[in-house]
Amino acid sequence: MPNLATAETTSTAETSAVLASMEAFFAQASPGALTEPFGAQTALLSSGLLDSLSMLQLTTHLSDTFGIEFEDEDFTMENFATAGQIADLVAAKLTRSG
């Protein structure tokens, strides 16, 4: 039987790593755009922090950093609305591939 506590800890650690990587990406790609603390609740699409070009750049960054691939069906408003939703998507991909 899988250890759910270990799985949750791994997922939390992965999510935290993805959020840190995303924060570094935005700090480099859009200096000054992060006017508030970055976290899981940071709005991306509705705030304008993420547009179509930066979405492609971010997904390329995350793919290269974490060794995952985004599928066409991953590109939804729900998956990219907040930083936490992207982090959860990446963490789920890491869990499936690991």
Protein backbone atom coordinates (compact mmCIF):
# COMPACT_ATOMS: atom_id res chain seq x y z
CA MET A 1 0.00 0.00 0.00
CA PRO A 2 1.48 3.42 -0.95
CA ASN A 3 2.42 5.79 1.83
CA LEU A 4 0.04 8.73 1.36
CA ALA A 5 1.97 10.98 3.75
CA THR A 6 5.15 10.51 1.71
CA ALA A 7 3.25 11.11 -1.54
CA GLU A 8 1.74 14.32 -0.17
CA THR A 9 5.13 15.52 1.13
CA THR A 10 6.73 14.80 -2.25
CA SER A 11 3.93 16.61 -4.05
CA THR A 12 4.24 19.58 -1.68
CA ALA A 13 8.01 19.68 -2.17
CA GLU A 14 7.58 19.47 -5.95
CA THR A 15 4.94 22.20 -5.91
CA SER A 16 7.23 24.44 -3.85
CA ALA A 17 10.10 23.82 -6.26
CA VAL A 18 7.88 24.67 -9.24
CA LEU A 19 6.64 27.88 -7.57
CA ALA A 20 10.24 28.93 -6.83
CA SER A 21 11.24 28.22 -10.42
CA MET A 22 8.26 30.20 -11.72
CA GLU A 23 9.06 33.14 -9.46
CA ALA A 24 12.65 33.18 -10.76
CA PHE A 25 11.34 32.99 -14.34
CA PHE A 26 9.05 36.00 -13.89
CA ALA A 27 11.74 37.98 -12.06
CA GLN A 28 14.08 37.46 -15.01
CA ALA A 29 11.57 37.64 -17.89
CA SER A 30 9.54 40.57 -16.55
CA PRO A 31 11.62 42.54 -14.06
CA GLY A 32 9.38 44.71 -11.91
CA ALA A 33 6.19 42.89 -12.92
CA LEU A 34 5.93 41.09 -9.58
CA THR A 35 4.64 43.89 -7.40
CA GLU A 36 3.32 41.59 -4.65
CA PRO A 37 4.73 38.45 -3.02
CA PHE A 38 4.66 35.50 -5.43
CA GLY A 39 2.82 32.37 -4.34
CA ALA A 40 0.25 29.76 -5.24
CA GLN A 41 -2.57 32.33 -5.28
CA THR A 42 -0.77 34.72 -7.64
CA ALA A 43 -3.16 35.41 -10.53
CA LEU A 44 -1.42 35.02 -13.85
CA LEU A 45 -3.89 35.35 -16.71
CA SER A 46 -6.30 37.86 -15.19
CA SER A 47 -3.43 40.03 -13.92
CA GLY A 48 -1.75 40.16 -17.32
CA LEU A 49 1.42 38.63 -15.88
CA LEU A 50 0.95 35.77 -18.31
CA ASP A 51 0.03 36.27 -21.97
CA SER A 52 0.29 33.91 -24.93
CA LEU A 53 4.00 34.54 -25.52
CA SER A 54 5.01 34.37 -21.88
CA MET A 55 2.88 31.21 -21.49
CA LEU A 56 4.99 29.51 -24.15
CA GLN A 57 8.20 30.82 -22.59
CA LEU A 58 7.11 29.66 -19.13
CA THR A 59 6.12 26.19 -20.29
CA THR A 60 9.43 25.85 -22.14
CA HIS A 61 11.25 26.92 -18.96
CA LEU A 62 9.30 24.41 -16.84
CA SER A 63 9.78 21.64 -19.41
CA ASP A 64 13.53 22.22 -19.48
CA THR A 65 13.84 22.60 -15.71
CA PHE A 66 11.73 19.61 -14.68
CA GLY A 67 12.05 17.32 -17.70
CA ILE A 68 8.33 17.20 -18.46
CA GLU A 69 6.24 17.75 -21.55
CA PHE A 70 3.06 19.76 -21.80
CA GLU A 71 0.30 18.29 -23.93
CA ASP A 72 -2.21 20.32 -25.96
CA GLU A 73 -4.95 19.52 -23.46
CA ASP A 74 -2.86 21.09 -20.65
CA PHE A 75 -3.27 24.57 -22.12
CA THR A 76 -6.53 25.60 -20.47
CA MET A 77 -7.61 28.72 -18.62
CA GLU A 78 -8.06 26.62 -15.48
CA ASN A 79 -4.49 25.27 -15.54
CA PHE A 80 -2.92 28.68 -16.06
CA ALA A 81 -5.14 30.96 -13.98
CA THR A 82 -2.86 30.95 -10.93
CA ALA A 83 0.71 29.99 -10.16
CA GLY A 84 -0.56 27.23 -7.88
CA GLN A 85 -2.58 25.63 -10.64
CA ILE A 86 0.46 25.47 -12.93
CA ALA A 87 2.58 24.15 -10.06
CA ASP A 88 -0.01 21.44 -9.36
CA LEU A 89 -0.06 20.47 -13.03
CA VAL A 90 3.74 20.18 -13.14
CA ALA A 91 3.81 18.25 -9.84
CA ALA A 92 1.22 15.81 -11.20
CA LYS A 93 3.32 15.30 -14.34
CA LEU A 94 6.40 14.67 -12.19
CA THR A 95 4.52 12.16 -10.05
CA ARG A 96 3.27 10.29 -13.13
CA SER A 97 6.72 10.19 -14.73
CA GLY A 98 8.60 9.33 -11.53
